[in-house]
Amino acid sequence: MRKLSILLMLTGLLTLGACNTVKGVGQDLQKAGSTLEGAAKK
């Protein structure tokens, strides 16, 4: 579970680094939140 959390955080950071607009940041954060929520439910 710890490795999965680290992987998700790194993926989120890479995604945030790739976006160019404030709107893109919001969308990236929403996707990361959804991914973490799905992992937490499992």
Protein backbone atom coordinates (compact mmCIF):
# COMPACT_ATOMS: atom_id res chain seq x y z
CA MET A 1 0.00 0.00 0.00
CA ARG A 2 2.89 2.35 0.80
CA LYS A 3 4.46 1.78 -2.61
CA LEU A 4 1.13 2.49 -4.31
CA SER A 5 0.78 5.78 -2.42
CA ILE A 6 4.30 6.85 -3.38
CA LEU A 7 3.68 5.94 -7.00
CA LEU A 8 0.45 7.95 -7.06
CA MET A 9 2.15 10.98 -5.51
CA LEU A 10 5.00 10.87 -8.03
CA THR A 11 2.55 10.52 -10.89
CA GLY A 12 0.61 13.49 -9.57
CA LEU A 13 3.73 15.61 -9.34
CA LEU A 14 4.74 14.74 -12.89
CA THR A 15 1.25 15.56 -14.12
CA LEU A 16 1.28 18.91 -12.34
CA GLY A 17 4.64 19.71 -13.85
CA ALA A 18 3.29 19.10 -17.33
CA CYS A 19 0.31 21.46 -17.27
CA ASN A 20 0.58 25.04 -18.52
CA THR A 21 -2.58 26.76 -17.27
CA VAL A 22 -4.48 27.28 -14.05
CA LYS A 23 -7.36 25.33 -15.57
CA GLY A 24 -4.99 22.47 -16.31
CA VAL A 25 -3.77 22.46 -12.70
CA GLY A 26 -7.35 22.19 -11.46
CA GLN A 27 -8.08 19.29 -13.77
CA ASP A 28 -4.86 17.52 -12.77
CA LEU A 29 -5.66 17.92 -9.06
CA GLN A 30 -9.15 16.59 -9.61
CA LYS A 31 -7.84 13.51 -11.44
CA ALA A 32 -5.22 12.88 -8.75
CA GLY A 33 -7.88 13.19 -6.05
CA SER A 34 -10.14 10.75 -7.84
CA THR A 35 -7.28 8.27 -8.19
CA LEU A 36 -6.38 8.51 -4.51
CA GLU A 37 -10.04 8.15 -3.52
CA GLY A 38 -10.37 5.03 -5.64
CA ALA A 39 -7.22 3.55 -4.10
CA ALA A 40 -8.47 4.32 -0.60
CA LYS A 41 -11.76 2.50 -1.24
CA LYS A 42 -9.94 -0.71 -2.20
